[in-house]
Amino acid sequence: MLSAIADVLRAIGSTLAAVVTLPFRALARLFGGASRGAHR
């Protein structure tokens, strides 16, 4: 029972982490491409 709850919490945690880091990764890619384009 406890292990099942732990598994659910772990799944929720990893999903939350993915959702939280996605916008930051997109922003980093945007700014990375913009700065690369500005340097050339």
N, C-alpha and C. Protein backbone atom coordinates (compact mmCIF):
# COMPACT_ATOMS: atom_id res chain seq x y z
N MET A 1 0.84 -1.21 0.00
CA MET A 1 0.00 0.00 0.00
C MET A 1 0.87 1.26 0.00
N LEU A 2 1.83 1.32 0.93
CA LEU A 2 2.70 2.50 1.00
C LEU A 2 3.55 2.64 -0.26
N SER A 3 4.00 1.51 -0.78
CA SER A 3 4.85 1.58 -1.99
C SER A 3 4.03 2.09 -3.18
N ALA A 4 2.76 1.73 -3.23
CA ALA A 4 1.90 2.21 -4.31
C ALA A 4 1.73 3.73 -4.22
N ILE A 5 1.53 4.23 -2.99
CA ILE A 5 1.39 5.67 -2.79
C ILE A 5 2.69 6.36 -3.18
N ALA A 6 3.83 5.76 -2.79
CA ALA A 6 5.13 6.34 -3.13
C ALA A 6 5.31 6.39 -4.64
N ASP A 7 4.88 5.34 -5.34
CA ASP A 7 5.00 5.32 -6.80
C ASP A 7 4.17 6.45 -7.42
N VAL A 8 2.95 6.65 -6.91
CA VAL A 8 2.08 7.70 -7.45
C VAL A 8 2.72 9.06 -7.21
N LEU A 9 3.23 9.27 -6.00
CA LEU A 9 3.86 10.56 -5.68
C LEU A 9 5.07 10.80 -6.57
N ARG A 10 5.83 9.73 -6.82
CA ARG A 10 7.03 9.86 -7.68
C ARG A 10 6.61 10.23 -9.10
N ALA A 11 5.54 9.61 -9.59
CA ALA A 11 5.06 9.90 -10.94
C ALA A 11 4.58 11.35 -11.03
N ILE A 12 3.85 11.80 -10.02
CA ILE A 12 3.36 13.18 -10.00
C ILE A 12 4.54 14.15 -9.95
N GLY A 13 5.54 13.82 -9.14
CA GLY A 13 6.71 14.69 -9.01
C GLY A 13 7.46 14.81 -10.33
N SER A 14 7.67 13.71 -11.02
CA SER A 14 8.40 13.76 -12.29
C SER A 14 7.59 14.51 -13.34
N THR A 15 6.27 14.33 -13.33
CA THR A 15 5.43 15.06 -14.28
C THR A 15 5.48 16.56 -14.00
N LEU A 16 5.39 16.93 -12.73
CA LEU A 16 5.47 18.35 -12.37
C LEU A 16 6.81 18.93 -12.79
N ALA A 17 7.89 18.18 -12.55
CA ALA A 17 9.22 18.66 -12.92
C ALA A 17 9.30 18.89 -14.42
N ALA A 18 8.74 17.97 -15.20
CA ALA A 18 8.79 18.11 -16.66
C ALA A 18 7.99 19.34 -17.09
N VAL A 19 6.82 19.54 -16.50
CA VAL A 19 5.97 20.68 -16.87
C VAL A 19 6.64 22.00 -16.50
N VAL A 20 7.32 22.02 -15.33
CA VAL A 20 7.95 23.26 -14.87
C VAL A 20 9.19 23.59 -15.71
N THR A 21 9.96 22.57 -16.11
CA THR A 21 11.20 22.84 -16.84
C THR A 21 10.96 23.09 -18.32
N LEU A 22 9.82 22.64 -18.86
CA LEU A 22 9.57 22.82 -20.29
C LEU A 22 9.62 24.28 -20.74
N PRO A 23 8.87 25.20 -20.10
CA PRO A 23 8.92 26.61 -20.54
C PRO A 23 10.32 27.19 -20.46
N PHE A 24 11.07 26.83 -19.40
CA PHE A 24 12.43 27.36 -19.26
C PHE A 24 13.31 26.85 -20.39
N ARG A 25 13.14 25.57 -20.76
CA ARG A 25 13.93 25.02 -21.87
C ARG A 25 13.58 25.72 -23.17
N ALA A 26 12.29 25.99 -23.37
CA ALA A 26 11.87 26.68 -24.59
C ALA A 26 12.44 28.09 -24.63
N LEU A 27 12.40 28.78 -23.48
CA LEU A 27 12.96 30.13 -23.41
C LEU A 27 14.45 30.11 -23.68
N ALA A 28 15.15 29.15 -23.10
CA ALA A 28 16.59 29.04 -23.31
C ALA A 28 16.90 28.81 -24.78
N ARG A 29 16.09 27.99 -25.43
CA ARG A 29 16.31 27.70 -26.85
C ARG A 29 16.05 28.97 -27.67
N LEU A 30 14.98 29.70 -27.30
CA LEU A 30 14.65 30.94 -28.02
C LEU A 30 15.79 31.95 -27.89
N PHE A 31 16.21 32.20 -26.64
CA PHE A 31 17.26 33.19 -26.41
C PHE A 31 18.59 32.72 -26.97
N GLY A 32 18.84 31.41 -26.92
CA GLY A 32 20.07 30.87 -27.48
C GLY A 32 20.11 31.10 -28.99
N GLY A 33 18.99 30.85 -29.67
CA GLY A 33 18.94 31.07 -31.11
C GLY A 33 19.01 32.54 -31.44
N ALA A 34 18.37 33.39 -30.63
CA ALA A 34 18.38 34.84 -30.89
C ALA A 34 19.78 35.40 -30.73
N SER A 35 20.48 35.00 -29.65
CA SER A 35 21.82 35.53 -29.43
C SER A 35 22.78 35.02 -30.52
N ARG A 36 22.56 33.77 -30.94
CA ARG A 36 23.42 33.23 -32.01
C ARG A 36 23.20 33.99 -33.31
N GLY A 37 21.92 34.34 -33.58
CA GLY A 37 21.63 35.07 -34.81
C GLY A 37 22.16 36.50 -34.75
N ALA A 38 22.18 37.09 -33.55
CA ALA A 38 22.64 38.47 -33.41
C ALA A 38 24.16 38.55 -33.56
N HIS A 39 24.85 37.50 -33.14
CA HIS A 39 26.33 37.54 -33.21
C HIS A 39 26.82 37.47 -34.64
N ARG A 40 26.06 36.79 -35.52
CA ARG A 40 26.56 36.63 -36.90
C ARG A 40 26.37 37.91 -37.67
